[in-house]
Amino acid sequence: GSLRLSCAASGSIFSINAMGWYRQAPGKQREVVAVVATGGSTHYAGSV
């Protein structure tokens, strides 16, 4: 199946370098899922 996550930022949202998503499964460390830089470049974990 599919899901779409949203994240709305507010406050002092200037000089942002990047926004992204991380995840943490039970008993595991937090890991990066996907990141988008201010310039638009993206990075994904290999698993996704």
All heavy atoms as atom14 arrays in JSON, in Angstrom:
{
  "sequence": "GSLRLSCAASGSIFSINAMGWYRQAPGKQREVVAVVATGGSTHYAGSV",
  "atom14_mask": [
    [1, 1, 1, 1, 0, 0, 0, 0, 0, 0, 0, 0, 0, 0],
    [1, 1, 1, 1, 1, 1, 0, 0, 0, 0, 0, 0, 0, 0],
    [1, 1, 1, 1, 1, 1, 1, 1, 0, 0, 0, 0, 0, 0],
    [1, 1, 1, 1, 1, 1, 1, 1, 1, 1, 1, 0, 0, 0],
    [1, 1, 1, 1, 1, 1, 1, 1, 0, 0, 0, 0, 0, 0],
    [1, 1, 1, 1, 1, 1, 0, 0, 0, 0, 0, 0, 0, 0],
    [1, 1, 1, 1, 1, 1, 0, 0, 0, 0, 0, 0, 0, 0],
    [1, 1, 1, 1, 1, 0, 0, 0, 0, 0, 0, 0, 0, 0],
    [1, 1, 1, 1, 1, 0, 0, 0, 0, 0, 0, 0, 0, 0],
    [1, 1, 1, 1, 1, 1, 0, 0, 0, 0, 0, 0, 0, 0],
    [1, 1, 1, 1, 0, 0, 0, 0, 0, 0, 0, 0, 0, 0],
    [1, 1, 1, 1, 1, 1, 0, 0, 0, 0, 0, 0, 0, 0],
    [1, 1, 1, 1, 1, 1, 1, 1, 0, 0, 0, 0, 0, 0],
    [1, 1, 1, 1, 1, 1, 1, 1, 1, 1, 1, 0, 0, 0],
    [1, 1, 1, 1, 1, 1, 0, 0, 0, 0, 0, 0, 0, 0],
    [1, 1, 1, 1, 1, 1, 1, 1, 0, 0, 0, 0, 0, 0],
    [1, 1, 1, 1, 1, 1, 1, 1, 0, 0, 0, 0, 0, 0],
    [1, 1, 1, 1, 1, 0, 0, 0, 0, 0, 0, 0, 0, 0],
    [1, 1, 1, 1, 1, 1, 1, 1, 0, 0, 0, 0, 0, 0],
    [1, 1, 1, 1, 0, 0, 0, 0, 0, 0, 0, 0, 0, 0],
    [1, 1, 1, 1, 1, 1, 1, 1, 1, 1, 1, 1, 1, 1],
    [1, 1, 1, 1, 1, 1, 1, 1, 1, 1, 1, 1, 0, 0],
    [1, 1, 1, 1, 1, 1, 1, 1, 1, 1, 1, 0, 0, 0],
    [1, 1, 1, 1, 1, 1, 1, 1, 1, 0, 0, 0, 0, 0],
    [1, 1, 1, 1, 1, 0, 0, 0, 0, 0, 0, 0, 0, 0],
    [1, 1, 1, 1, 1, 1, 1, 0, 0, 0, 0, 0, 0, 0],
    [1, 1, 1, 1, 0, 0, 0, 0, 0, 0, 0, 0, 0, 0],
    [1, 1, 1, 1, 1, 1, 1, 1, 1, 0, 0, 0, 0, 0],
    [1, 1, 1, 1, 1, 1, 1, 1, 1, 0, 0, 0, 0, 0],
    [1, 1, 1, 1, 1, 1, 1, 1, 1, 1, 1, 0, 0, 0],
    [1, 1, 1, 1, 1, 1, 1, 1, 1, 0, 0, 0, 0, 0],
    [1, 1, 1, 1, 1, 1, 1, 0, 0, 0, 0, 0, 0, 0],
    [1, 1, 1, 1, 1, 1, 1, 0, 0, 0, 0, 0, 0, 0],
    [1, 1, 1, 1, 1, 0, 0, 0, 0, 0, 0, 0, 0, 0],
    [1, 1, 1, 1, 1, 1, 1, 0, 0, 0, 0, 0, 0, 0],
    [1, 1, 1, 1, 1, 1, 1, 0, 0, 0, 0, 0, 0, 0],
    [1, 1, 1, 1, 1, 0, 0, 0, 0, 0, 0, 0, 0, 0],
    [1, 1, 1, 1, 1, 1, 1, 0, 0, 0, 0, 0, 0, 0],
    [1, 1, 1, 1, 0, 0, 0, 0, 0, 0, 0, 0, 0, 0],
    [1, 1, 1, 1, 0, 0, 0, 0, 0, 0, 0, 0, 0, 0],
    [1, 1, 1, 1, 1, 1, 0, 0, 0, 0, 0, 0, 0, 0],
    [1, 1, 1, 1, 1, 1, 1, 0, 0, 0, 0, 0, 0, 0],
    [1, 1, 1, 1, 1, 1, 1, 1, 1, 1, 0, 0, 0, 0],
    [1, 1, 1, 1, 1, 1, 1, 1, 1, 1, 1, 1, 0, 0],
    [1, 1, 1, 1, 1, 0, 0, 0, 0, 0, 0, 0, 0, 0],
    [1, 1, 1, 1, 0, 0, 0, 0, 0, 0, 0, 0, 0, 0],
    [1, 1, 1, 1, 1, 1, 0, 0, 0, 0, 0, 0, 0, 0],
    [1, 1, 1, 1, 1, 1, 1, 0, 0, 0, 0, 0, 0, 0]
  ],
  "atom14_positions": [
    [[0.81, -1.21, 0.0], [0.0, 0.0, 0.0], [0.84, 1.27, 0.0], [2.07, 1.22, -0.09], [0.0, 0.0, 0.0], [0.0, 0.0, 0.0], [0.0, 0.0, 0.0], [0.0, 0.0, 0.0], [0.0, 0.0, 0.0], [0.0, 0.0, 0.0], [0.0, 0.0, 0.0], [0.0, 0.0, 0.0], [0.0, 0.0, 0.0], [0.0, 0.0, 0.0]],
    [[0.14, 2.4, 0.08], [0.8, 3.69, 0.02], [0.32, 4.6, 1.15], [-0.81, 4.47, 1.64], [0.49, 4.39, -1.32], [0.98, 3.65, -2.41], [0.0, 0.0, 0.0], [0.0, 0.0, 0.0], [0.0, 0.0, 0.0], [0.0, 0.0, 0.0], [0.0, 0.0, 0.0], [0.0, 0.0, 0.0], [0.0, 0.0, 0.0], [0.0, 0.0, 0.0]],
    [[1.2, 5.51, 1.54], [0.87, 6.57, 2.49], [1.63, 7.81, 2.08], [2.7, 7.71, 1.46], [1.28, 6.19, 3.92], [0.41, 5.24, 4.73], [1.1, 4.93, 6.06], [-0.97, 5.81, 4.97], [0.0, 0.0, 0.0], [0.0, 0.0, 0.0], [0.0, 0.0, 0.0], [0.0, 0.0, 0.0], [0.0, 0.0, 0.0], [0.0, 0.0, 0.0]],
    [[1.09, 8.97, 2.45], [1.82, 10.21, 2.24], [1.92, 10.95, 3.58], [0.91, 11.24, 4.22], [1.15, 11.11, 1.2], [2.03, 12.3, 0.84], [1.45, 13.13, -0.28], [0.51, 14.13, 0.2], [0.32, 15.32, -0.37], [1.02, 15.65, -1.45], [-0.58, 16.15, 0.1], [0.0, 0.0, 0.0], [0.0, 0.0, 0.0], [0.0, 0.0, 0.0]],
    [[3.16, 11.24, 3.95], [3.41, 12.02, 5.16], [3.61, 13.48, 4.78], [4.17, 13.8, 3.73], [4.66, 11.51, 5.87], [4.69, 10.02, 6.23], [5.98, 9.7, 7.0], [3.48, 9.62, 7.04], [0.0, 0.0, 0.0], [0.0, 0.0, 0.0], [0.0, 0.0, 0.0], [0.0, 0.0, 0.0], [0.0, 0.0, 0.0], [0.0, 0.0, 0.0]],
    [[3.16, 14.35, 5.68], [3.35, 15.79, 5.49], [4.0, 16.38, 6.73], [3.76, 15.9, 7.85], [2.01, 16.5, 5.25], [1.35, 16.01, 4.12], [0.0, 0.0, 0.0], [0.0, 0.0, 0.0], [0.0, 0.0, 0.0], [0.0, 0.0, 0.0], [0.0, 0.0, 0.0], [0.0, 0.0, 0.0], [0.0, 0.0, 0.0], [0.0, 0.0, 0.0]],
    [[4.8, 17.41, 6.53], [5.43, 18.1, 7.64], [5.42, 19.59, 7.35], [6.06, 20.04, 6.39], [6.86, 17.62, 7.84], [7.79, 18.56, 9.07], [0.0, 0.0, 0.0], [0.0, 0.0, 0.0], [0.0, 0.0, 0.0], [0.0, 0.0, 0.0], [0.0, 0.0, 0.0], [0.0, 0.0, 0.0], [0.0, 0.0, 0.0], [0.0, 0.0, 0.0]],
    [[4.69, 20.34, 8.16], [4.6, 21.78, 7.98], [5.51, 22.48, 8.98], [5.45, 22.2, 10.19], [3.16, 22.24, 8.17], [0.0, 0.0, 0.0], [0.0, 0.0, 0.0], [0.0, 0.0, 0.0], [0.0, 0.0, 0.0], [0.0, 0.0, 0.0], [0.0, 0.0, 0.0], [0.0, 0.0, 0.0], [0.0, 0.0, 0.0], [0.0, 0.0, 0.0]],
    [[6.36, 23.37, 8.47], [7.29, 24.11, 9.3], [6.77, 25.52, 9.55], [6.18, 26.14, 8.66], [8.65, 24.17, 8.64], [0.0, 0.0, 0.0], [0.0, 0.0, 0.0], [0.0, 0.0, 0.0], [0.0, 0.0, 0.0], [0.0, 0.0, 0.0], [0.0, 0.0, 0.0], [0.0, 0.0, 0.0], [0.0, 0.0, 0.0], [0.0, 0.0, 0.0]],
    [[7.01, 26.02, 10.74], [6.64, 27.4, 11.08], [7.67, 27.96, 12.05], [8.49, 27.23, 12.6], [5.24, 27.46, 11.68], [5.18, 26.72, 12.88], [0.0, 0.0, 0.0], [0.0, 0.0, 0.0], [0.0, 0.0, 0.0], [0.0, 0.0, 0.0], [0.0, 0.0, 0.0], [0.0, 0.0, 0.0], [0.0, 0.0, 0.0], [0.0, 0.0, 0.0]],
    [[7.61, 29.26, 12.23], [8.56, 29.91, 13.13], [9.68, 30.57, 12.35], [9.45, 31.16, 11.3], [0.0, 0.0, 0.0], [0.0, 0.0, 0.0], [0.0, 0.0, 0.0], [0.0, 0.0, 0.0], [0.0, 0.0, 0.0], [0.0, 0.0, 0.0], [0.0, 0.0, 0.0], [0.0, 0.0, 0.0], [0.0, 0.0, 0.0], [0.0, 0.0, 0.0]],
    [[10.89, 30.45, 12.85], [12.07, 31.1, 12.24], [12.61, 30.25, 11.1], [13.69, 29.68, 11.17], [13.14, 31.33, 13.3], [12.66, 32.13, 14.34], [0.0, 0.0, 0.0], [0.0, 0.0, 0.0], [0.0, 0.0, 0.0], [0.0, 0.0, 0.0], [0.0, 0.0, 0.0], [0.0, 0.0, 0.0], [0.0, 0.0, 0.0], [0.0, 0.0, 0.0]],
    [[11.83, 30.16, 10.05], [12.19, 29.27, 8.94], [12.92, 30.04, 7.85], [12.45, 30.18, 6.72], [10.95, 28.55, 8.38], [9.79, 29.52, 8.19], [10.55, 27.42, 9.31], [8.59, 28.89, 7.54], [0.0, 0.0, 0.0], [0.0, 0.0, 0.0], [0.0, 0.0, 0.0], [0.0, 0.0, 0.0], [0.0, 0.0, 0.0], [0.0, 0.0, 0.0]],
    [[14.11, 30.51, 8.2], [15.0, 31.09, 7.22], [16.37, 30.43, 7.42], [16.61, 29.77, 8.42], [15.08, 32.61, 7.4], [15.42, 33.03, 8.8], [16.74, 33.16, 9.2], [14.42, 33.29, 9.72], [17.06, 33.54, 10.49], [14.73, 33.67, 11.01], [16.06, 33.79, 11.4], [0.0, 0.0, 0.0], [0.0, 0.0, 0.0], [0.0, 0.0, 0.0]],
    [[17.24, 30.59, 6.45], [18.56, 29.97, 6.48], [18.46, 28.45, 6.68], [19.27, 27.84, 7.36], [19.42, 30.58, 7.61], [19.6, 31.95, 7.41], [0.0, 0.0, 0.0], [0.0, 0.0, 0.0], [0.0, 0.0, 0.0], [0.0, 0.0, 0.0], [0.0, 0.0, 0.0], [0.0, 0.0, 0.0], [0.0, 0.0, 0.0], [0.0, 0.0, 0.0]],
    [[17.44, 27.87, 6.06], [17.26, 26.41, 6.14], [18.22, 25.74, 5.16], [18.32, 26.15, 4.01], [15.83, 26.02, 5.81], [14.87, 26.59, 6.87], [15.69, 24.51, 5.75], [13.42, 26.39, 6.5], [0.0, 0.0, 0.0], [0.0, 0.0, 0.0], [0.0, 0.0, 0.0], [0.0, 0.0, 0.0], [0.0, 0.0, 0.0], [0.0, 0.0, 0.0]],
    [[18.9, 24.72, 5.63], [19.8, 23.96, 4.77], [19.07, 22.81, 4.07], [19.29, 22.55, 2.9], [20.96, 23.41, 5.58], [21.75, 24.51, 6.25], [21.69, 24.66, 7.47], [22.46, 25.3, 5.46], [0.0, 0.0, 0.0], [0.0, 0.0, 0.0], [0.0, 0.0, 0.0], [0.0, 0.0, 0.0], [0.0, 0.0, 0.0], [0.0, 0.0, 0.0]],
    [[18.22, 22.13, 4.84], [17.55, 20.96, 4.27], [16.38, 20.57, 5.16], [16.31, 20.94, 6.33], [18.52, 19.78, 4.15], [0.0, 0.0, 0.0], [0.0, 0.0, 0.0], [0.0, 0.0, 0.0], [0.0, 0.0, 0.0], [0.0, 0.0, 0.0], [0.0, 0.0, 0.0], [0.0, 0.0, 0.0], [0.0, 0.0, 0.0], [0.0, 0.0, 0.0]],
    [[15.46, 19.83, 4.56], [14.38, 19.19, 5.31], [14.33, 17.73, 4.9], [14.7, 17.38, 3.76], [13.04, 19.87, 5.04], [12.93, 21.28, 5.58], [11.29, 21.99, 5.37], [10.34, 21.04, 6.56], [0.0, 0.0, 0.0], [0.0, 0.0, 0.0], [0.0, 0.0, 0.0], [0.0, 0.0, 0.0], [0.0, 0.0, 0.0], [0.0, 0.0, 0.0]],
    [[13.86, 16.9, 5.79], [13.83, 15.5, 5.44], [13.06, 14.66, 6.42], [12.41, 15.18, 7.34], [0.0, 0.0, 0.0], [0.0, 0.0, 0.0], [0.0, 0.0, 0.0], [0.0, 0.0, 0.0], [0.0, 0.0, 0.0], [0.0, 0.0, 0.0], [0.0, 0.0, 0.0], [0.0, 0.0, 0.0], [0.0, 0.0, 0.0], [0.0, 0.0, 0.0]],
    [[13.14, 13.36, 6.21], [12.45, 12.38, 7.04], [13.45, 11.35, 7.53], [14.31, 10.87, 6.76], [11.35, 11.69, 6.23], [10.24, 12.61, 5.87], [10.11, 13.35, 4.73], [9.08, 12.91, 6.68], [8.94, 14.09, 4.77], [8.3, 13.82, 5.96], [8.63, 12.47, 7.93], [7.1, 14.32, 6.45], [7.44, 12.97, 8.41], [6.67, 13.88, 7.67]],
    [[13.31, 11.01, 8.79], [14.06, 9.94, 9.42], [13.04, 8.97, 10.02], [11.87, 9.32, 10.18], [14.97, 10.49, 10.53], [16.12, 11.31, 10.02], [15.93, 12.52, 9.37], [17.44, 10.88, 10.21], [17.01, 13.27, 8.9], [18.52, 11.62, 9.76], [18.28, 12.82, 9.1], [19.34, 13.55, 8.65], [0.0, 0.0, 0.0], [0.0, 0.0, 0.0]],
    [[13.5, 7.78, 10.36], [12.6, 6.83, 11.01], [13.35, 6.02, 12.05], [14.57, 5.86, 11.98], [11.95, 5.9, 9.98], [12.91, 4.94, 9.29], [12.18, 4.17, 8.19], [13.07, 3.23, 7.51], [12.74, 2.54, 6.43], [11.52, 2.68, 5.89], [13.59, 1.7, 5.89], [0.0, 0.0, 0.0], [0.0, 0.0, 0.0], [0.0, 0.0, 0.0]],
    [[12.58, 5.54, 13.0], [13.15, 4.72, 14.06], [12.21, 3.57, 14.35], [11.07, 3.79, 14.78], [13.4, 5.55, 15.32], [14.16, 4.8, 16.39], [14.68, 5.72, 17.48], [14.23, 6.85, 17.64], [15.65, 5.25, 18.24], [0.0, 0.0, 0.0], [0.0, 0.0, 0.0], [0.0, 0.0, 0.0], [0.0, 0.0, 0.0], [0.0, 0.0, 0.0]],
    [[12.7, 2.38, 14.11], [11.95, 1.16, 14.41], [12.28, 0.72, 15.83], [13.34, 1.07, 16.37], [12.28, 0.08, 13.41], [0.0, 0.0, 0.0], [0.0, 0.0, 0.0], [0.0, 0.0, 0.0], [0.0, 0.0, 0.0], [0.0, 0.0, 0.0], [0.0, 0.0, 0.0], [0.0, 0.0, 0.0], [0.0, 0.0, 0.0], [0.0, 0.0, 0.0]],
    [[11.42, -0.07, 16.46], [11.67, -0.53, 17.83], [13.02, -1.25, 17.92], [13.32, -2.14, 17.11], [10.51, -1.48, 18.1], [9.42, -1.01, 17.21], [10.09, -0.52, 15.97], [0.0, 0.0, 0.0], [0.0, 0.0, 0.0], [0.0, 0.0, 0.0], [0.0, 0.0, 0.0], [0.0, 0.0, 0.0], [0.0, 0.0, 0.0], [0.0, 0.0, 0.0]],
    [[13.82, -0.85, 18.88], [15.1, -1.49, 19.11], [16.19, -1.1, 18.14], [17.3, -1.67, 18.19], [0.0, 0.0, 0.0], [0.0, 0.0, 0.0], [0.0, 0.0, 0.0], [0.0, 0.0, 0.0], [0.0, 0.0, 0.0], [0.0, 0.0, 0.0], [0.0, 0.0, 0.0], [0.0, 0.0, 0.0], [0.0, 0.0, 0.0], [0.0, 0.0, 0.0]],
    [[15.92, -0.14, 17.28], [16.9, 0.27, 16.28], [17.2, 1.76, 16.41], [16.44, 2.51, 16.99], [16.41, -0.04, 14.87], [16.26, -1.52, 14.58], [15.97, -1.75, 13.11], [15.91, -3.23, 12.8], [15.65, -3.48, 11.36], [0.0, 0.0, 0.0], [0.0, 0.0, 0.0], [0.0, 0.0, 0.0], [0.0, 0.0, 0.0], [0.0, 0.0, 0.0]],
    [[18.32, 2.16, 15.82], [18.68, 3.57, 15.83], [17.88, 4.33, 14.77], [17.42, 3.75, 13.77], [20.19, 3.72, 15.54], [21.08, 3.27, 16.69], [22.53, 3.66, 16.47], [22.99, 3.77, 15.35], [23.25, 3.87, 17.57], [0.0, 0.0, 0.0], [0.0, 0.0, 0.0], [0.0, 0.0, 0.0], [0.0, 0.0, 0.0], [0.0, 0.0, 0.0]],
    [[17.76, 5.61, 15.0], [17.1, 6.46, 14.03], [17.95, 6.51, 12.76], [19.17, 6.64, 12.84], [16.89, 7.87, 14.59], [15.99, 8.74, 13.75], [15.69, 10.06, 14.45], [14.95, 9.85, 15.7], [14.44, 10.85, 16.42], [14.59, 12.11, 16.01], [13.8, 10.59, 17.55], [0.0, 0.0, 0.0], [0.0, 0.0, 0.0], [0.0, 0.0, 0.0]],
    [[17.3, 6.41, 11.61], [18.03, 6.41, 10.35], [17.39, 7.38, 9.36], [16.19, 7.64, 9.42], [18.04, 5.01, 9.73], [16.67, 4.46, 9.39], [16.72, 3.09, 8.73], [17.82, 2.52, 8.6], [15.65, 2.6, 8.33], [0.0, 0.0, 0.0], [0.0, 0.0, 0.0], [0.0, 0.0, 0.0], [0.0, 0.0, 0.0], [0.0, 0.0, 0.0]],
    [[18.2, 7.88, 8.46], [17.69, 8.78, 7.45], [16.87, 8.0, 6.43], [17.2, 6.87, 6.08], [18.84, 9.54, 6.75], [19.76, 8.59, 6.03], [18.31, 10.61, 5.83], [0.0, 0.0, 0.0], [0.0, 0.0, 0.0], [0.0, 0.0, 0.0], [0.0, 0.0, 0.0], [0.0, 0.0, 0.0], [0.0, 0.0, 0.0], [0.0, 0.0, 0.0]],
    [[15.77, 8.59, 6.0], [14.94, 8.01, 4.96], [15.12, 8.79, 3.66], [15.45, 8.22, 2.62], [13.45, 8.02, 5.36], [12.58, 7.49, 4.22], [13.24, 7.21, 6.63], [0.0, 0.0, 0.0], [0.0, 0.0, 0.0], [0.0, 0.0, 0.0], [0.0, 0.0, 0.0], [0.0, 0.0, 0.0], [0.0, 0.0, 0.0], [0.0, 0.0, 0.0]],
    [[14.91, 10.08, 3.73], [15.03, 10.93, 2.54], [15.22, 12.38, 2.98], [14.65, 12.8, 3.99], [13.8, 10.82, 1.64], [0.0, 0.0, 0.0], [0.0, 0.0, 0.0], [0.0, 0.0, 0.0], [0.0, 0.0, 0.0], [0.0, 0.0, 0.0], [0.0, 0.0, 0.0], [0.0, 0.0, 0.0], [0.0, 0.0, 0.0], [0.0, 0.0, 0.0]],
    [[16.02, 13.1, 2.2], [16.32, 14.49, 2.51], [16.26, 15.31, 1.23], [16.67, 14.83, 0.16], [17.72, 14.64, 3.14], [18.07, 16.1, 3.37], [17.8, 13.87, 4.45], [0.0, 0.0, 0.0], [0.0, 0.0, 0.0], [0.0, 0.0, 0.0], [0.0, 0.0, 0.0], [0.0, 0.0, 0.0], [0.0, 0.0, 0.0], [0.0, 0.0, 0.0]],
    [[15.73, 16.52, 1.33], [15.76, 17.44, 0.19], [16.44, 18.73, 0.65], [16.04, 19.33, 1.66], [14.35, 17.71, -0.37], [13.39, 18.23, 0.69], [14.41, 18.66, -1.56], [0.0, 0.0, 0.0], [0.0, 0.0, 0.0], [0.0, 0.0, 0.0], [0.0, 0.0, 0.0], [0.0, 0.0, 0.0], [0.0, 0.0, 0.0], [0.0, 0.0, 0.0]],
    [[17.48, 19.11, -0.06], [18.2, 20.32, 0.28], [17.46, 21.55, -0.25], [16.58, 21.42, -1.12], [19.61, 20.26, -0.32], [0.0, 0.0, 0.0], [0.0, 0.0, 0.0], [0.0, 0.0, 0.0], [0.0, 0.0, 0.0], [0.0, 0.0, 0.0], [0.0, 0.0, 0.0], [0.0, 0.0, 0.0], [0.0, 0.0, 0.0], [0.0, 0.0, 0.0]],
    [[17.85, 22.69, 0.25], [17.2, 23.93, -0.18], [17.3, 24.13, -1.68], [16.37, 24.62, -2.32], [17.82, 25.13, 0.56], [17.65, 24.94, 1.97], [17.15, 26.42, 0.15], [0.0, 0.0, 0.0], [0.0, 0.0, 0.0], [0.0, 0.0, 0.0], [0.0, 0.0, 0.0], [0.0, 0.0, 0.0], [0.0, 0.0, 0.0], [0.0, 0.0, 0.0]],
    [[18.41, 23.71, -2.25], [18.58, 23.84, -3.69], [17.8, 22.83, -4.51], [17.73, 22.95, -5.74], [0.0, 0.0, 0.0], [0.0, 0.0, 0.0], [0.0, 0.0, 0.0], [0.0, 0.0, 0.0], [0.0, 0.0, 0.0], [0.0, 0.0, 0.0], [0.0, 0.0, 0.0], [0.0, 0.0, 0.0], [0.0, 0.0, 0.0], [0.0, 0.0, 0.0]],
    [[17.2, 21.85, -3.83], [16.35, 20.89, -4.53], [16.95, 19.5, -4.69], [16.24, 18.57, -5.09], [0.0, 0.0, 0.0], [0.0, 0.0, 0.0], [0.0, 0.0, 0.0], [0.0, 0.0, 0.0], [0.0, 0.0, 0.0], [0.0, 0.0, 0.0], [0.0, 0.0, 0.0], [0.0, 0.0, 0.0], [0.0, 0.0, 0.0], [0.0, 0.0, 0.0]],
    [[18.22, 19.35, -4.39], [18.81, 18.02, -4.52], [18.25, 17.1, -3.44], [17.9, 17.55, -2.35], [20.32, 18.09, -4.41], [20.7, 18.61, -3.15], [0.0, 0.0, 0.0], [0.0, 0.0, 0.0], [0.0, 0.0, 0.0], [0.0, 0.0, 0.0], [0.0, 0.0, 0.0], [0.0, 0.0, 0.0], [0.0, 0.0, 0.0], [0.0, 0.0, 0.0]],
    [[18.15, 15.83, -3.78], [17.55, 14.86, -2.86], [18.52, 13.71, -2.58], [19.42, 13.41, -3.38], [16.26, 14.28, -3.44], [16.52, 13.7, -4.72], [15.19, 15.36, -3.6], [0.0, 0.0, 0.0], [0.0, 0.0, 0.0], [0.0, 0.0, 0.0], [0.0, 0.0, 0.0], [0.0, 0.0, 0.0], [0.0, 0.0, 0.0], [0.0, 0.0, 0.0]],
    [[18.29, 13.07, -1.45], [19.06, 11.9, -1.05], [18.09, 10.9, -0.45], [17.22, 11.27, 0.34], [20.12, 12.29, -0.02], [20.72, 11.09, 0.67], [21.66, 10.28, 0.06], [20.48, 10.55, 1.89], [21.98, 9.3, 0.89], [21.29, 9.45, 2.0], [0.0, 0.0, 0.0], [0.0, 0.0, 0.0], [0.0, 0.0, 0.0], [0.0, 0.0, 0.0]],
    [[18.25, 9.64, -0.83], [17.39, 8.59, -0.31], [18.23, 7.47, 0.29], [19.31, 7.13, -0.22], [16.52, 7.99, -1.43], [15.5, 8.94, -2.0], [15.79, 9.72, -3.12], [14.24, 9.05, -1.44], [14.86, 10.59, -3.65], [13.28, 9.91, -1.96], [13.61, 10.68, -3.07], [12.67, 11.54, -3.59], [0.0, 0.0, 0.0], [0.0, 0.0, 0.0]],
    [[17.7, 6.85, 1.31], [18.29, 5.63, 1.82], [18.12, 4.55, 0.75], [17.12, 4.52, 0.03], [17.61, 5.21, 3.11], [0.0, 0.0, 0.0], [0.0, 0.0, 0.0], [0.0, 0.0, 0.0], [0.0, 0.0, 0.0], [0.0, 0.0, 0.0], [0.0, 0.0, 0.0], [0.0, 0.0, 0.0], [0.0, 0.0, 0.0], [0.0, 0.0, 0.0]],
    [[19.09, 3.67, 0.68], [19.04, 2.63, -0.34], [17.8, 1.77, -0.25], [17.27, 1.3, -1.26], [0.0, 0.0, 0.0], [0.0, 0.0, 0.0], [0.0, 0.0, 0.0], [0.0, 0.0, 0.0], [0.0, 0.0, 0.0], [0.0, 0.0, 0.0], [0.0, 0.0, 0.0], [0.0, 0.0, 0.0], [0.0, 0.0, 0.0], [0.0, 0.0, 0.0]],
    [[17.32, 1.56, 0.98], [16.19, 0.67, 1.2], [14.86, 1.24, 0.68], [13.89, 0.49, 0.55], [16.06, 0.35, 2.69], [15.88, 1.54, 3.43], [0.0, 0.0, 0.0], [0.0, 0.0, 0.0], [0.0, 0.0, 0.0], [0.0, 0.0, 0.0], [0.0, 0.0, 0.0], [0.0, 0.0, 0.0], [0.0, 0.0, 0.0], [0.0, 0.0, 0.0]],
    [[14.82, 2.54, 0.41], [13.55, 3.15, -0.03], [13.63, 3.7, -1.45], [12.61, 4.15, -1.99], [13.09, 4.26, 0.93], [13.06, 3.75, 2.37], [13.96, 5.5, 0.82], [0.0, 0.0, 0.0], [0.0, 0.0, 0.0], [0.0, 0.0, 0.0], [0.0, 0.0, 0.0], [0.0, 0.0, 0.0], [0.0, 0.0, 0.0], [0.0, 0.0, 0.0]]
  ]
}
